[in-house]
Amino acid sequence: MKFGIVTGRITFSRVDPAIADTRFLIVEPVTAENLAARNGKGGGRELIAADQMGPRMGQMVGYVEGREGAAPWHPRRAPVDAYISLIVEGVDYHPPTRKGKQDGQRI
């Protein structure tokens, strides 16, 4: 699972019947640096994810990719590569540091 920020919504003119009632959102993955900074920014390359959770624009979500992305439709087949599986309420993240190094120093 990865974290991302919802940055947009997709509207389709035609869609596969297997996913007709599914919303699709644009999600920007959150980098470890932005997660540690708690700045609400993503920083990764945006992707499109299927959504049945209903997050708001700018909200952090958890998503899965690949085969797990289509799991909610099992045993049917669905043309989905990423799926929003949770809405993040809060994160308490402290990046690891190497012994003898200060935060921000190159390792």
N, C-alpha and C. Protein backbone atom coordinates (compact mmCIF):
# COMPACT_ATOMS: atom_id res chain seq x y z
N MET A 1 0.84 -1.17 0.00
CA MET A 1 0.00 0.00 0.00
C MET A 1 0.89 1.24 0.00
N LYS A 2 0.39 2.27 -0.68
CA LYS A 2 1.10 3.55 -0.75
C LYS A 2 0.13 4.65 -0.37
N PHE A 3 0.68 5.80 0.01
CA PHE A 3 -0.15 6.98 0.29
C PHE A 3 -0.11 7.94 -0.88
N GLY A 4 -1.21 8.65 -1.08
CA GLY A 4 -1.27 9.65 -2.14
C GLY A 4 -2.25 10.75 -1.77
N ILE A 5 -2.17 11.86 -2.50
CA ILE A 5 -3.08 13.00 -2.31
C ILE A 5 -4.01 13.06 -3.52
N VAL A 6 -5.30 13.19 -3.27
CA VAL A 6 -6.27 13.30 -4.36
C VAL A 6 -6.13 14.69 -4.98
N THR A 7 -5.83 14.73 -6.28
CA THR A 7 -5.61 16.01 -6.97
C THR A 7 -6.61 16.28 -8.09
N GLY A 8 -7.46 15.31 -8.42
CA GLY A 8 -8.42 15.54 -9.49
C GLY A 8 -9.38 14.39 -9.65
N ARG A 9 -10.33 14.59 -10.55
CA ARG A 9 -11.36 13.59 -10.82
C ARG A 9 -11.45 13.39 -12.33
N ILE A 10 -11.72 12.16 -12.75
CA ILE A 10 -11.84 11.82 -14.16
C ILE A 10 -13.31 11.58 -14.49
N THR A 11 -13.76 12.12 -15.61
CA THR A 11 -15.10 11.84 -16.11
C THR A 11 -14.96 11.19 -17.48
N PHE A 12 -15.57 10.03 -17.64
CA PHE A 12 -15.49 9.29 -18.90
C PHE A 12 -16.78 9.45 -19.69
N SER A 13 -16.68 9.42 -21.02
CA SER A 13 -17.88 9.45 -21.85
C SER A 13 -18.43 8.04 -22.05
N ARG A 14 -17.55 7.04 -22.06
CA ARG A 14 -17.94 5.63 -22.15
C ARG A 14 -17.04 4.84 -21.21
N VAL A 15 -17.59 3.76 -20.66
CA VAL A 15 -16.81 2.98 -19.70
C VAL A 15 -17.21 1.51 -19.78
N ASP A 16 -16.27 0.63 -19.44
CA ASP A 16 -16.54 -0.80 -19.38
C ASP A 16 -17.66 -1.05 -18.37
N PRO A 17 -18.66 -1.86 -18.71
CA PRO A 17 -19.78 -2.12 -17.79
C PRO A 17 -19.35 -2.65 -16.43
N ALA A 18 -18.22 -3.34 -16.35
CA ALA A 18 -17.75 -3.89 -15.06
C ALA A 18 -17.43 -2.80 -14.05
N ILE A 19 -17.11 -1.59 -14.52
CA ILE A 19 -16.72 -0.51 -13.61
C ILE A 19 -17.61 0.73 -13.79
N ALA A 20 -18.79 0.53 -14.33
CA ALA A 20 -19.69 1.66 -14.65
C ALA A 20 -20.07 2.50 -13.43
N ASP A 21 -20.18 1.91 -12.26
CA ASP A 21 -20.59 2.66 -11.06
C ASP A 21 -19.40 3.08 -10.20
N THR A 22 -18.22 3.09 -10.78
CA THR A 22 -17.00 3.42 -10.03
C THR A 22 -16.50 4.80 -10.40
N ARG A 23 -16.10 5.55 -9.39
CA ARG A 23 -15.50 6.86 -9.59
C ARG A 23 -14.00 6.68 -9.82
N PHE A 24 -13.40 7.56 -10.62
CA PHE A 24 -11.96 7.51 -10.84
C PHE A 24 -11.35 8.85 -10.48
N LEU A 25 -10.29 8.79 -9.69
CA LEU A 25 -9.63 9.99 -9.19
C LEU A 25 -8.17 10.01 -9.60
N ILE A 26 -7.62 11.21 -9.69
CA ILE A 26 -6.19 11.38 -9.93
C ILE A 26 -5.53 11.47 -8.56
N VAL A 27 -4.50 10.65 -8.36
CA VAL A 27 -3.81 10.58 -7.07
C VAL A 27 -2.33 10.85 -7.30
N GLU A 28 -1.77 11.74 -6.48
CA GLU A 28 -0.33 12.04 -6.53
C GLU A 28 0.35 11.33 -5.36
N PRO A 29 1.19 10.34 -5.62
CA PRO A 29 1.86 9.62 -4.54
C PRO A 29 2.64 10.56 -3.62
N VAL A 30 2.66 10.23 -2.34
CA VAL A 30 3.38 11.03 -1.34
C VAL A 30 4.79 10.47 -1.18
N THR A 31 5.79 11.34 -1.33
CA THR A 31 7.18 10.93 -1.12
C THR A 31 7.46 10.86 0.38
N ALA A 32 8.49 10.12 0.75
CA ALA A 32 8.88 10.02 2.16
C ALA A 32 9.23 11.40 2.72
N GLU A 33 9.88 12.23 1.90
CA GLU A 33 10.26 13.57 2.36
C GLU A 33 9.03 14.42 2.69
N ASN A 34 8.03 14.37 1.83
CA ASN A 34 6.81 15.15 2.08
C ASN A 34 6.00 14.56 3.22
N LEU A 35 6.03 13.25 3.39
CA LEU A 35 5.35 12.63 4.52
C LEU A 35 5.99 13.09 5.83
N ALA A 36 7.34 13.12 5.87
CA ALA A 36 8.05 13.56 7.07
C ALA A 36 7.82 15.05 7.33
N ALA A 37 7.74 15.86 6.26
CA ALA A 37 7.54 17.30 6.40
C ALA A 37 6.11 17.65 6.80
N ARG A 38 5.18 16.72 6.63
CA ARG A 38 3.76 16.95 6.94
C ARG A 38 3.24 18.20 6.25
N ASN A 39 3.62 18.36 4.98
CA ASN A 39 3.24 19.57 4.25
C ASN A 39 2.02 19.38 3.35
N GLY A 40 1.42 18.19 3.35
CA GLY A 40 0.23 17.95 2.56
C GLY A 40 0.47 17.84 1.07
N LYS A 41 1.74 17.72 0.67
CA LYS A 41 2.08 17.61 -0.74
C LYS A 41 2.40 16.16 -1.08
N GLY A 42 2.27 15.85 -2.38
CA GLY A 42 2.58 14.50 -2.85
C GLY A 42 4.02 14.39 -3.26
N GLY A 43 4.31 14.80 -4.51
CA GLY A 43 5.67 14.78 -5.00
C GLY A 43 5.97 13.67 -5.97
N GLY A 44 5.09 12.67 -6.08
CA GLY A 44 5.31 11.57 -7.02
C GLY A 44 4.58 11.81 -8.33
N ARG A 45 4.71 10.85 -9.24
CA ARG A 45 4.05 10.93 -10.55
C ARG A 45 2.59 10.51 -10.41
N GLU A 46 1.69 11.38 -10.84
CA GLU A 46 0.25 11.13 -10.67
C GLU A 46 -0.22 9.88 -11.42
N LEU A 47 -1.26 9.27 -10.88
CA LEU A 47 -1.87 8.10 -11.48
C LEU A 47 -3.38 8.17 -11.32
N ILE A 48 -4.08 7.31 -12.03
CA ILE A 48 -5.53 7.25 -11.94
C ILE A 48 -5.89 6.03 -11.11
N ALA A 49 -6.78 6.22 -10.12
CA ALA A 49 -7.17 5.12 -9.24
C ALA A 49 -8.69 5.04 -9.15
N ALA A 50 -9.20 3.81 -9.12
CA ALA A 50 -10.63 3.57 -8.91
C ALA A 50 -10.95 3.91 -7.46
N ASP A 51 -12.14 4.47 -7.23
CA ASP A 51 -12.50 4.89 -5.88
C ASP A 51 -13.94 4.51 -5.56
N GLN A 52 -14.13 3.92 -4.38
CA GLN A 52 -15.45 3.65 -3.84
C GLN A 52 -15.55 4.14 -2.40
N MET A 53 -14.53 4.92 -1.97
CA MET A 53 -14.47 5.41 -0.59
C MET A 53 -14.99 6.84 -0.44
N GLY A 54 -14.85 7.66 -1.48
CA GLY A 54 -15.37 9.02 -1.45
C GLY A 54 -14.49 10.08 -0.80
N PRO A 55 -13.17 10.07 -1.01
CA PRO A 55 -12.34 11.12 -0.41
C PRO A 55 -12.56 12.47 -1.08
N ARG A 56 -12.23 13.53 -0.36
CA ARG A 56 -12.33 14.89 -0.89
C ARG A 56 -11.05 15.26 -1.63
N MET A 57 -11.14 16.30 -2.44
CA MET A 57 -9.97 16.83 -3.12
C MET A 57 -8.95 17.28 -2.07
N GLY A 58 -7.67 16.92 -2.27
CA GLY A 58 -6.62 17.30 -1.34
C GLY A 58 -6.45 16.36 -0.17
N GLN A 59 -7.31 15.36 -0.03
CA GLN A 59 -7.24 14.43 1.09
C GLN A 59 -6.23 13.32 0.80
N MET A 60 -5.56 12.84 1.87
CA MET A 60 -4.62 11.74 1.72
C MET A 60 -5.38 10.42 1.75
N VAL A 61 -4.98 9.52 0.84
CA VAL A 61 -5.61 8.21 0.75
C VAL A 61 -4.53 7.13 0.71
N GLY A 62 -4.93 5.91 0.97
CA GLY A 62 -4.07 4.76 0.76
C GLY A 62 -4.56 4.04 -0.48
N TYR A 63 -3.63 3.60 -1.31
CA TYR A 63 -4.03 2.91 -2.54
C TYR A 63 -3.12 1.73 -2.80
N VAL A 64 -3.65 0.77 -3.56
CA VAL A 64 -2.87 -0.38 -3.99
C VAL A 64 -2.83 -0.38 -5.51
N GLU A 65 -1.80 -1.00 -6.06
CA GLU A 65 -1.64 -1.05 -7.51
C GLU A 65 -1.52 -2.49 -7.99
N GLY A 66 -1.60 -2.66 -9.30
CA GLY A 66 -1.41 -3.97 -9.90
C GLY A 66 -2.60 -4.88 -9.67
N ARG A 67 -2.32 -6.15 -9.50
CA ARG A 67 -3.36 -7.15 -9.35
C ARG A 67 -4.29 -6.84 -8.17
N GLU A 68 -3.73 -6.33 -7.07
CA GLU A 68 -4.53 -5.98 -5.91
C GLU A 68 -5.53 -4.87 -6.22
N GLY A 69 -5.20 -4.03 -7.20
CA GLY A 69 -6.10 -2.94 -7.58
C GLY A 69 -7.43 -3.42 -8.12
N ALA A 70 -7.47 -4.59 -8.73
CA ALA A 70 -8.71 -5.14 -9.27
C ALA A 70 -9.40 -6.10 -8.31
N ALA A 71 -8.79 -6.38 -7.16
CA ALA A 71 -9.34 -7.35 -6.21
C ALA A 71 -10.78 -7.08 -5.76
N PRO A 72 -11.21 -5.82 -5.58
CA PRO A 72 -12.59 -5.59 -5.14
C PRO A 72 -13.65 -6.13 -6.11
N TRP A 73 -13.29 -6.41 -7.33
CA TRP A 73 -14.25 -6.91 -8.32
C TRP A 73 -14.18 -8.43 -8.48
N HIS A 74 -13.29 -9.09 -7.75
CA HIS A 74 -13.11 -10.54 -7.87
C HIS A 74 -14.43 -11.26 -7.55
N PRO A 75 -14.85 -12.25 -8.25
CA PRO A 75 -14.14 -13.00 -9.28
C PRO A 75 -14.31 -12.43 -10.69
N ARG A 76 -15.08 -11.34 -10.82
CA ARG A 76 -15.20 -10.72 -12.15
C ARG A 76 -13.90 -10.05 -12.53
N ARG A 77 -13.76 -9.76 -13.80
CA ARG A 77 -12.59 -9.04 -14.29
C ARG A 77 -12.94 -7.55 -14.40
N ALA A 78 -11.97 -6.72 -14.03
CA ALA A 78 -12.17 -5.28 -14.13
C ALA A 78 -10.89 -4.63 -14.63
N PRO A 79 -10.99 -3.70 -15.57
CA PRO A 79 -9.79 -3.04 -16.11
C PRO A 79 -9.29 -1.93 -15.18
N VAL A 80 -8.77 -2.32 -14.02
CA VAL A 80 -8.32 -1.38 -13.00
C VAL A 80 -6.89 -1.71 -12.61
N ASP A 81 -6.02 -0.70 -12.55
CA ASP A 81 -4.62 -0.88 -12.15
C ASP A 81 -4.34 -0.37 -10.74
N ALA A 82 -5.18 0.55 -10.25
CA ALA A 82 -4.97 1.11 -8.91
C ALA A 82 -6.33 1.32 -8.25
N TYR A 83 -6.39 1.11 -6.93
CA TYR A 83 -7.64 1.20 -6.19
C TYR A 83 -7.41 1.91 -4.86
N ILE A 84 -8.24 2.89 -4.56
CA ILE A 84 -8.17 3.60 -3.28
C ILE A 84 -8.86 2.72 -2.24
N SER A 85 -8.09 2.26 -1.25
CA SER A 85 -8.63 1.32 -0.29
C SER A 85 -8.88 1.92 1.10
N LEU A 86 -8.42 3.15 1.32
CA LEU A 86 -8.69 3.80 2.61
C LEU A 86 -8.49 5.30 2.52
N ILE A 87 -9.09 6.00 3.47
CA ILE A 87 -8.90 7.45 3.61
C ILE A 87 -8.08 7.66 4.88
N VAL A 88 -6.98 8.38 4.76
CA VAL A 88 -6.05 8.57 5.88
C VAL A 88 -6.58 9.69 6.79
N GLU A 89 -6.66 9.38 8.07
CA GLU A 89 -7.08 10.38 9.05
C GLU A 89 -5.87 11.12 9.62
N GLY A 90 -4.78 10.41 9.84
CA GLY A 90 -3.58 11.03 10.38
C GLY A 90 -2.39 10.11 10.20
N VAL A 91 -1.19 10.70 10.20
CA VAL A 91 0.05 9.94 10.05
C VAL A 91 1.05 10.42 11.09
N ASP A 92 1.67 9.48 11.78
CA ASP A 92 2.73 9.81 12.73
C ASP A 92 3.99 9.13 12.19
N TYR A 93 4.75 9.85 11.39
CA TYR A 93 5.91 9.28 10.70
C TYR A 93 7.17 10.01 11.12
N HIS A 94 8.16 9.24 11.52
CA HIS A 94 9.47 9.76 11.89
C HIS A 94 10.50 9.02 11.05
N PRO A 95 11.10 9.69 10.06
CA PRO A 95 12.03 8.99 9.17
C PRO A 95 13.23 8.46 9.94
N PRO A 96 13.71 7.29 9.52
CA PRO A 96 14.87 6.71 10.20
C PRO A 96 16.11 7.54 9.93
N THR A 97 17.00 7.56 10.89
CA THR A 97 18.29 8.22 10.71
C THR A 97 19.37 7.21 11.03
N ARG A 98 20.51 7.37 10.39
CA ARG A 98 21.64 6.48 10.66
C ARG A 98 22.41 7.02 11.85
N LYS A 99 22.95 6.14 12.62
CA LYS A 99 23.72 6.51 13.80
C LYS A 99 24.87 7.44 13.41
N GLY A 100 24.97 8.56 14.09
CA GLY A 100 26.05 9.50 13.83
C GLY A 100 25.72 10.53 12.76
N LYS A 101 24.58 10.44 12.12
CA LYS A 101 24.18 11.39 11.08
C LYS A 101 23.02 12.23 11.59
N GLN A 102 23.01 13.47 11.20
CA GLN A 102 21.92 14.38 11.55
C GLN A 102 20.87 14.36 10.45
N ASP A 103 19.62 14.66 10.78
CA ASP A 103 18.60 14.77 9.76
C ASP A 103 19.03 15.79 8.73
N GLY A 104 18.85 15.46 7.48
CA GLY A 104 19.19 16.36 6.40
C GLY A 104 20.58 16.14 5.82
N GLN A 105 21.45 15.43 6.53
CA GLN A 105 22.77 15.15 6.00
C GLN A 105 22.70 13.99 5.01
N ARG A 106 23.58 14.01 4.04
CA ARG A 106 23.64 12.91 3.08
C ARG A 106 24.19 11.67 3.75
N ILE A 107 23.63 10.55 3.38
CA ILE A 107 24.07 9.27 3.95
C ILE A 107 24.83 8.50 2.90
